[in-house]
């Protein structure tokens, strides 16, 4: 029996994707499909995020980067032995120049090509600009689409891509493992952390966890926290993360003894801080971090016009989180009102935890595997 071969390309392997690819490889093996992962390294501007992982079975190649204006252009080589496969899955990014020969050669090769992506650059400040028009033009040049969320699927359907060649992945991370880690935090560890950070027994704790860069609106985070602390003196803000804007957070924490910047935290350490938190403050771009909030049973508050990822579709207004205006008064005032309403806060926390069961890594693997099998069984769309 001939075994189908599938290759997925990632310009860098993010640490939270390792379990996805491991489970996907195992699931496809059960269907007699050989799965390969090819990845390179972070660009110079991404290195400070310190978010890369590794898999010993993956093919690691050397990326070539070239900075042009405000864009890091990338050429990522595809190993020769993996060029003649049944399906190549590439990320939908204009800047990955090595995608274009793959898209072009699929015209005469027997193998299929699929996109995995958002359907649009949801962080674009010029959604009608040349880059986005080019992206929309190319979204039809593949045999299949693996969309991040229902938001991506709607964008693709509106653009006229065939619905029967779309797979909605419901992009996820290992929420089950993180949920168990949060639940497993002991009362002793929680009390020790409260004492170490000088958090009163009944003091409110806001938590930011994510990369530190301008689109995260960290200035609003601090300004709104000032607003909250002025009215709840026992309020503490804990910041987890790293990135280009680290210096700003370090400075803010030096000037405010109630702001604690703790840097990168993962696993049990990260779970402890989420267990301590009453509310997640993320005024800027929201992506997969909304699932951490759900897994911990903590509502997330963000702003309506931030440059969110497609995972913002998971946030149900007033149910498991809040979307508010991006002024200090509106954002800070909304958080303050929620912290001062224990019944409402408890209800939203319970809804957030319930939402974590809807978006699991296992379900994403199942959808990915079924979509790959459907793509391989379908005739080529373009030739």
Protein backbone atom coordinates (compact mmCIF):
# COMPACT_ATOMS: atom_id res chain seq x y z
CA UNK A 1 0.00 0.00 0.00
CA UNK A 2 1.30 3.44 -0.94
CA UNK A 3 1.68 5.76 2.05
CA UNK A 4 0.68 9.38 1.48
CA UNK A 5 3.23 12.01 2.50
CA UNK A 6 2.36 15.41 3.94
CA UNK A 7 4.68 18.31 4.78
CA UNK A 8 3.83 21.32 6.96
CA UNK A 9 6.11 24.37 6.83
CA UNK A 10 6.58 26.69 9.82
CA UNK A 11 9.02 29.57 9.62
CA UNK A 12 9.82 28.91 13.31
CA UNK A 13 8.59 26.25 15.72
CA UNK A 14 6.75 27.91 18.59
CA UNK A 15 7.01 26.06 21.89
CA UNK A 16 3.23 25.81 22.27
CA UNK A 17 2.94 24.11 18.85
CA UNK A 18 5.17 21.15 19.69
CA UNK A 19 2.39 19.07 21.24
CA UNK A 20 0.06 19.85 18.33
CA UNK A 21 2.53 18.53 15.76
CA UNK A 22 3.39 15.49 17.86
CA UNK A 23 -0.27 14.54 18.24
CA UNK A 24 -0.99 15.30 14.58
CA UNK A 25 1.89 13.10 13.46
CA UNK A 26 0.58 10.25 15.60
CA UNK A 27 -3.02 10.67 14.38
CA UNK A 28 -1.99 10.71 10.72
CA UNK A 29 0.18 7.63 11.20
CA UNK A 30 -2.99 5.78 12.23
CA UNK A 31 -4.41 6.71 8.83
CA UNK A 32 -1.25 5.55 6.98
CA UNK A 33 -0.16 9.13 6.28
CA UNK A 34 3.48 10.11 6.78
CA UNK A 35 3.75 13.56 8.31
CA UNK A 36 6.82 15.79 8.14
CA UNK A 37 7.42 19.17 9.77
CA UNK A 38 9.94 21.65 8.35
CA UNK A 39 10.87 24.71 10.39
CA UNK A 40 13.57 27.36 10.58
CA UNK A 41 14.41 30.07 13.12
CA UNK A 42 13.04 33.35 14.37
CA UNK A 43 13.83 36.56 12.55
CA UNK A 44 16.17 39.03 14.29
CA UNK A 45 13.15 41.07 15.40
CA UNK A 46 11.43 37.97 16.87
CA UNK A 47 14.38 36.56 18.82
CA UNK A 48 13.64 38.58 21.96
CA UNK A 49 10.31 36.77 22.38
CA UNK A 50 12.15 33.57 23.37
CA UNK A 51 9.21 31.43 22.28
CA UNK A 52 10.76 28.65 20.20
CA UNK A 53 10.57 24.91 20.85
CA UNK A 54 12.06 21.79 19.29
CA UNK A 55 11.09 18.30 18.09
CA UNK A 56 13.80 15.74 17.44
CA UNK A 57 11.99 14.28 14.41
CA UNK A 58 11.35 17.61 12.64
CA UNK A 59 13.49 18.88 9.75
CA UNK A 60 15.25 22.05 10.89
CA UNK A 61 16.48 24.25 8.04
CA UNK A 62 18.34 27.55 7.95
CA UNK A 63 16.15 30.51 7.08
CA UNK A 64 17.43 33.48 5.14
CA UNK A 65 16.09 36.85 6.27
CA UNK A 66 16.21 40.26 4.61
CA UNK A 67 14.80 43.38 6.23
CA UNK A 68 12.98 45.59 3.70
CA UNK A 69 11.27 48.62 5.20
CA UNK A 70 9.17 47.35 8.10
CA UNK A 71 9.00 43.75 6.86
CA UNK A 72 11.29 40.76 7.44
CA UNK A 73 11.28 38.91 4.11
CA UNK A 74 11.96 35.20 4.42
CA UNK A 75 13.29 32.44 2.22
CA UNK A 76 12.83 29.04 3.83
CA UNK A 77 14.35 26.09 1.97
CA UNK A 78 12.32 22.91 1.48
CA UNK A 79 14.54 19.80 1.70
CA UNK A 80 14.90 18.14 -1.70
CA UNK A 81 13.62 14.79 -0.45
CA UNK A 82 10.34 16.44 0.62
CA UNK A 83 9.56 18.36 -2.54
CA UNK A 84 7.61 15.59 -4.28
CA UNK A 85 4.94 14.88 -1.67
CA UNK A 86 1.16 14.52 -1.78
CA UNK A 87 0.39 17.68 0.19
CA UNK A 88 2.37 20.75 1.28
CA UNK A 89 0.79 22.99 3.92
CA UNK A 90 2.20 26.52 4.03
CA UNK A 91 1.43 29.51 6.21
CA UNK A 92 -0.50 32.30 4.49
CA UNK A 93 2.06 35.07 4.81
CA UNK A 94 3.04 37.46 2.02
CA UNK A 95 6.56 37.82 3.39
CA UNK A 96 7.46 34.13 2.95
CA UNK A 97 8.96 34.34 -0.53
CA UNK A 98 9.66 30.61 -0.68
CA UNK A 99 5.90 29.96 -0.73
CA UNK A 100 5.53 31.37 -4.23
CA UNK A 101 7.49 28.65 -6.10
CA UNK A 102 5.47 26.04 -4.18
CA UNK A 103 2.19 27.66 -5.21
CA UNK A 104 3.34 28.00 -8.83
CA UNK A 105 4.74 24.48 -9.20
CA UNK A 106 1.50 22.94 -7.90
CA UNK A 107 0.04 23.79 -11.33
CA UNK A 108 1.95 20.95 -12.94
CA UNK A 109 2.79 18.71 -10.00
CA UNK A 110 0.45 15.96 -8.83
CA UNK A 111 0.71 17.04 -5.21
CA UNK A 112 -1.66 19.44 -3.53
CA UNK A 113 -1.00 22.71 -1.71
CA UNK A 114 -2.96 24.06 1.25
CA UNK A 115 -2.91 27.28 3.22
CA UNK A 116 -3.02 27.46 7.00
CA UNK A 117 -3.77 30.94 8.22
CA UNK A 118 -6.08 33.74 9.26
CA UNK A 119 -7.55 34.55 5.84
CA UNK A 120 -6.42 38.16 6.24
CA UNK A 121 -3.88 40.10 8.24
CA UNK A 122 -6.13 41.02 11.13
CA UNK A 123 -3.34 43.21 12.54
CA UNK A 124 -3.01 45.27 9.35
CA UNK A 125 -3.31 49.02 9.72
CA UNK A 126 -4.16 49.25 6.00
CA UNK A 127 -6.77 46.51 5.40
CA UNK A 128 -7.46 47.89 1.91
CA UNK A 129 -3.81 48.42 1.02
CA UNK A 130 -1.68 46.68 -1.59
CA UNK A 131 -0.43 43.95 0.74
CA UNK A 132 -3.93 42.88 1.68
CA UNK A 133 -5.15 43.00 -1.93
CA UNK A 134 -2.23 40.71 -2.86
CA UNK A 135 -3.14 38.38 0.01
CA UNK A 136 -6.77 38.19 -1.13
CA UNK A 137 -5.69 37.46 -4.70
CA UNK A 138 -3.54 34.51 -3.61
CA UNK A 139 -5.99 32.96 -1.17
CA UNK A 140 -7.65 31.18 -4.12
CA UNK A 141 -4.38 29.64 -5.39
CA UNK A 142 -4.54 26.55 -3.18
CA UNK A 143 -6.42 23.25 -3.13
CA UNK A 144 -7.50 23.49 0.52
CA UNK A 145 -7.70 25.91 3.44
CA UNK A 146 -7.08 25.26 7.12
CA UNK A 147 -8.64 28.25 8.86
CA UNK A 148 -7.77 29.25 12.41
CA UNK A 149 -11.32 29.93 13.65
CA UNK A 150 -14.88 30.57 12.48
CA UNK A 151 -13.80 34.17 11.84
CA UNK A 152 -11.31 32.92 9.22
CA UNK A 153 -13.94 30.66 7.65
CA UNK A 154 -16.36 33.59 7.27
CA UNK A 155 -13.65 35.71 5.64
CA UNK A 156 -12.86 32.94 3.14
CA UNK A 157 -16.50 32.19 2.35
CA UNK A 158 -17.12 35.91 1.77
CA UNK A 159 -14.16 35.89 -0.63
CA UNK A 160 -15.73 33.03 -2.61
CA UNK A 161 -13.51 30.13 -1.56
CA UNK A 162 -15.39 26.79 -1.82
CA UNK A 163 -16.90 25.85 1.53
CA UNK A 164 -16.34 22.13 0.91
CA UNK A 165 -12.58 22.73 0.81
CA UNK A 166 -12.42 24.57 4.13
CA UNK A 167 -11.45 23.11 7.49
CA UNK A 168 -12.10 25.18 10.61
CA UNK A 169 -9.41 24.12 13.08
CA UNK A 170 -10.54 26.12 16.12
CA UNK A 171 -6.95 27.02 16.88
CA UNK A 172 -5.97 25.80 20.35
CA UNK A 173 -3.17 24.98 22.74
CA UNK A 174 -2.87 22.37 25.50
CA UNK A 175 -5.62 23.80 27.66
CA UNK A 176 -6.25 20.45 29.35
CA UNK A 177 -2.72 20.26 30.73
CA UNK A 178 -2.75 23.90 31.81
CA UNK A 179 -6.20 23.55 33.39
CA UNK A 180 -4.93 20.64 35.48
CA UNK A 181 -1.82 22.61 36.43
CA UNK A 182 -3.93 25.56 37.66
CA UNK A 183 -6.26 23.25 39.56
CA UNK A 184 -3.25 21.54 41.14
CA UNK A 185 -1.82 24.71 42.71
CA UNK A 186 -1.80 24.08 46.46
CA UNK A 187 -3.21 26.43 49.07
CA UNK A 188 0.25 26.60 50.63
CA UNK A 189 1.88 27.70 47.35
CA UNK A 190 -0.84 30.27 46.82
CA UNK A 191 -0.43 31.69 50.34
CA UNK A 192 3.36 31.80 50.00
CA UNK A 193 3.10 33.68 46.70
CA UNK A 194 0.62 36.15 48.16
CA UNK A 195 3.00 36.83 51.02
CA UNK A 196 6.04 37.12 48.74
CA UNK A 197 4.27 39.61 46.46
CA UNK A 198 2.58 41.43 49.38
CA UNK A 199 -0.91 40.65 48.08
CA UNK A 200 -3.53 41.10 50.85
CA UNK A 201 -5.78 38.09 51.52
CA UNK A 202 -8.71 39.90 49.97
CA UNK A 203 -6.74 42.08 47.58
CA UNK A 204 -7.62 42.01 43.89
CA UNK A 205 -5.03 40.70 41.42
CA UNK A 206 -4.89 41.59 37.75
CA UNK A 207 -2.64 39.55 35.48
CA UNK A 208 -1.10 40.28 32.10
CA UNK A 209 0.53 37.32 30.36
CA UNK A 210 1.92 37.52 26.83
CA UNK A 211 4.54 38.95 24.55
CA UNK A 212 5.58 42.54 25.21
CA UNK A 213 5.35 44.73 22.12
CA UNK A 214 3.46 47.91 21.09
CA UNK A 215 0.30 46.24 19.73
CA UNK A 216 -0.34 44.90 23.23
CA UNK A 217 -1.15 48.48 24.38
CA UNK A 218 0.97 48.23 27.50
CA UNK A 219 0.71 51.97 28.16
CA UNK A 220 -3.06 51.54 28.52
CA UNK A 221 -2.46 48.52 30.76
CA UNK A 222 -0.45 50.63 33.19
CA UNK A 223 -2.68 53.72 32.96
CA UNK A 224 -5.83 51.66 33.59
CA UNK A 225 -4.11 49.84 36.46
CA UNK A 226 -3.24 53.21 38.00
CA UNK A 227 -6.94 54.07 37.76
CA UNK A 228 -7.90 50.82 39.50
CA UNK A 229 -5.22 51.02 42.20
CA UNK A 230 -6.29 54.56 43.13
CA UNK A 231 -9.72 53.15 44.08
CA UNK A 232 -8.66 49.70 45.33
CA UNK A 233 -5.36 50.28 47.17
CA UNK A 234 -4.88 46.52 47.64
CA UNK A 235 -4.90 45.92 43.86
CA UNK A 236 -1.80 44.27 42.42
CA UNK A 237 -0.81 43.90 38.77
CA UNK A 238 1.42 40.97 37.81
CA UNK A 239 3.05 40.99 34.38
CA UNK A 240 4.37 37.80 32.76
CA UNK A 241 6.24 37.94 29.45
CA UNK A 242 9.12 39.27 27.45
CA UNK A 243 9.70 41.15 24.24
CA UNK A 244 10.74 44.49 22.72
CA UNK A 245 8.68 46.52 25.25
CA UNK A 246 10.21 44.86 28.30
CA UNK A 247 12.06 48.03 29.38
CA UNK A 248 8.77 49.93 29.63
CA UNK A 249 7.29 47.32 32.00
CA UNK A 250 10.46 47.15 34.07
CA UNK A 251 10.38 50.92 34.48
CA UNK A 252 6.68 50.87 35.40
CA UNK A 253 7.27 48.22 38.05
CA UNK A 254 10.18 50.15 39.59
CA UNK A 255 7.96 53.22 39.93
CA UNK A 256 5.00 51.29 41.43
CA UNK A 257 5.50 48.82 44.27
CA UNK A 258 2.14 47.21 43.43
CA UNK A 259 3.21 46.26 39.87
CA UNK A 260 5.26 43.06 39.73
CA UNK A 261 7.10 42.23 36.52
CA UNK A 262 8.17 38.58 36.73
CA UNK A 263 9.43 37.91 33.20
CA UNK A 264 8.80 34.67 31.33
CA UNK A 265 7.03 31.95 33.31
CA UNK A 266 5.87 28.57 32.03
CA UNK A 267 4.38 25.37 33.35
CA UNK A 268 3.71 25.21 37.09
CA UNK A 269 5.06 28.73 37.72
CA UNK A 270 2.73 30.23 35.13
CA UNK A 271 -0.21 28.20 36.48
CA UNK A 272 0.40 29.57 39.98
CA UNK A 273 0.06 33.18 38.81
CA UNK A 274 -3.13 32.38 36.90
CA UNK A 275 -4.54 30.70 40.01
CA UNK A 276 -3.76 33.86 41.97
CA UNK A 277 -5.44 36.19 39.43
CA UNK A 278 -8.96 37.55 39.67
CA UNK A 279 -8.98 39.01 36.17
CA UNK A 280 -6.82 38.98 33.03
CA UNK A 281 -5.95 42.44 31.70
CA UNK A 282 -5.04 42.38 28.01
CA UNK A 283 -6.01 45.71 26.46
CA UNK A 284 -4.16 45.04 23.21
CA UNK A 285 -4.06 42.21 20.69
CA UNK A 286 -5.67 38.98 21.87
CA UNK A 287 -4.76 35.63 20.36
CA UNK A 288 -4.30 32.17 21.82
CA UNK A 289 -3.76 33.68 25.26
CA UNK A 290 -7.55 33.84 25.62
CA UNK A 291 -7.46 30.05 26.03
CA UNK A 292 -5.09 30.32 29.00
CA UNK A 293 -7.64 32.61 30.64
CA UNK A 294 -10.46 30.15 29.94
CA UNK A 295 -8.45 27.18 31.22
CA UNK A 296 -7.77 29.03 34.48
CA UNK A 297 -11.39 30.12 34.78
CA UNK A 298 -10.50 33.82 34.76
CA UNK A 299 -12.36 36.35 32.57
CA UNK A 300 -10.29 38.40 30.13
CA UNK A 301 -10.89 42.08 29.42
CA UNK A 302 -9.64 43.64 26.18
CA UNK A 303 -10.54 46.53 23.87
CA UNK A 304 -12.85 46.56 20.88
CA UNK A 305 -10.48 48.05 18.31
CA UNK A 306 -7.21 46.31 19.16
CA UNK A 307 -5.54 44.32 16.37
CA UNK A 308 -6.82 40.96 17.56
CA UNK A 309 -6.06 37.54 16.17
CA UNK A 310 -8.89 35.27 14.95
CA UNK A 311 -9.17 33.70 18.42
CA UNK A 312 -11.09 36.80 19.51
CA UNK A 313 -14.08 34.87 18.11
CA UNK A 314 -13.98 32.74 21.29
CA UNK A 315 -14.65 35.71 23.58
CA UNK A 316 -18.37 36.12 24.21
CA UNK A 317 -19.15 39.66 25.29
CA UNK A 318 -20.33 39.82 28.88
CA UNK A 319 -20.27 36.04 29.23
CA UNK A 320 -16.67 34.80 29.48
CA UNK A 321 -14.94 38.15 28.98
CA UNK A 322 -15.38 41.78 28.01
CA UNK A 323 -14.62 44.02 25.04
CA UNK A 324 -14.57 47.70 26.00
CA UNK A 325 -13.46 51.06 24.64
CA UNK A 326 -9.74 51.78 24.73
CA UNK A 327 -9.72 54.87 26.96
CA UNK A 328 -8.22 54.71 30.44
CA UNK A 329 -11.55 55.65 32.00
CA UNK A 330 -13.60 53.09 30.05
CA UNK A 331 -11.13 50.23 30.34
CA UNK A 332 -10.05 50.91 33.92
CA UNK A 333 -13.61 51.73 34.99
CA UNK A 334 -15.02 48.52 33.50
CA UNK A 335 -12.40 46.38 35.23
CA UNK A 336 -12.96 48.25 38.49
CA UNK A 337 -16.74 47.68 38.32
CA UNK A 338 -16.24 43.97 37.67
CA UNK A 339 -13.81 43.58 40.57
CA UNK A 340 -16.33 45.31 42.85
CA UNK A 341 -19.14 42.94 41.79
CA UNK A 342 -18.14 39.50 43.17
CA UNK A 343 -21.29 37.76 41.91
CA UNK A 344 -20.83 38.88 38.33
CA UNK A 345 -17.11 38.15 38.46
CA UNK A 346 -17.79 34.64 39.74
CA UNK A 347 -20.35 34.00 36.99
CA UNK A 348 -17.97 35.14 34.25
CA UNK A 349 -15.20 33.01 35.76
CA UNK A 350 -17.42 29.94 35.61
CA UNK A 351 -18.36 30.71 31.99
CA UNK A 352 -14.69 31.14 31.07
CA UNK A 353 -13.86 27.73 32.51
CA UNK A 354 -16.77 26.17 30.62
CA UNK A 355 -15.48 27.72 27.37
CA UNK A 356 -12.13 26.00 27.82
CA UNK A 357 -13.83 22.66 27.13
CA UNK A 358 -14.93 23.84 23.68
CA UNK A 359 -11.45 24.67 22.38
CA UNK A 360 -9.04 21.83 23.07
CA UNK A 361 -5.83 20.71 21.44
CA UNK A 362 -7.27 17.23 20.96
CA UNK A 363 -10.23 18.64 19.02
CA UNK A 364 -7.89 20.76 16.88
CA UNK A 365 -5.80 17.65 16.07
CA UNK A 366 -8.95 15.74 15.12
CA UNK A 367 -10.09 18.51 12.78
CA UNK A 368 -6.61 18.90 11.26
CA UNK A 369 -6.27 15.17 10.64
CA UNK A 370 -9.71 14.86 9.09
CA UNK A 371 -9.10 17.93 6.91
CA UNK A 372 -5.81 16.52 5.61
CA UNK A 373 -7.47 13.22 4.78
CA UNK A 374 -10.33 15.01 3.00
CA UNK A 375 -7.86 17.12 1.01
CA UNK A 376 -5.91 14.04 -0.11
CA UNK A 377 -9.13 12.26 -1.14
CA UNK A 378 -10.47 15.22 -3.14
CA UNK A 379 -9.39 15.94 -6.72
CA UNK A 380 -6.94 18.76 -7.23
CA UNK A 381 -8.73 22.08 -7.37
CA UNK A 382 -6.19 23.81 -9.59
CA UNK A 383 -4.08 22.39 -12.44
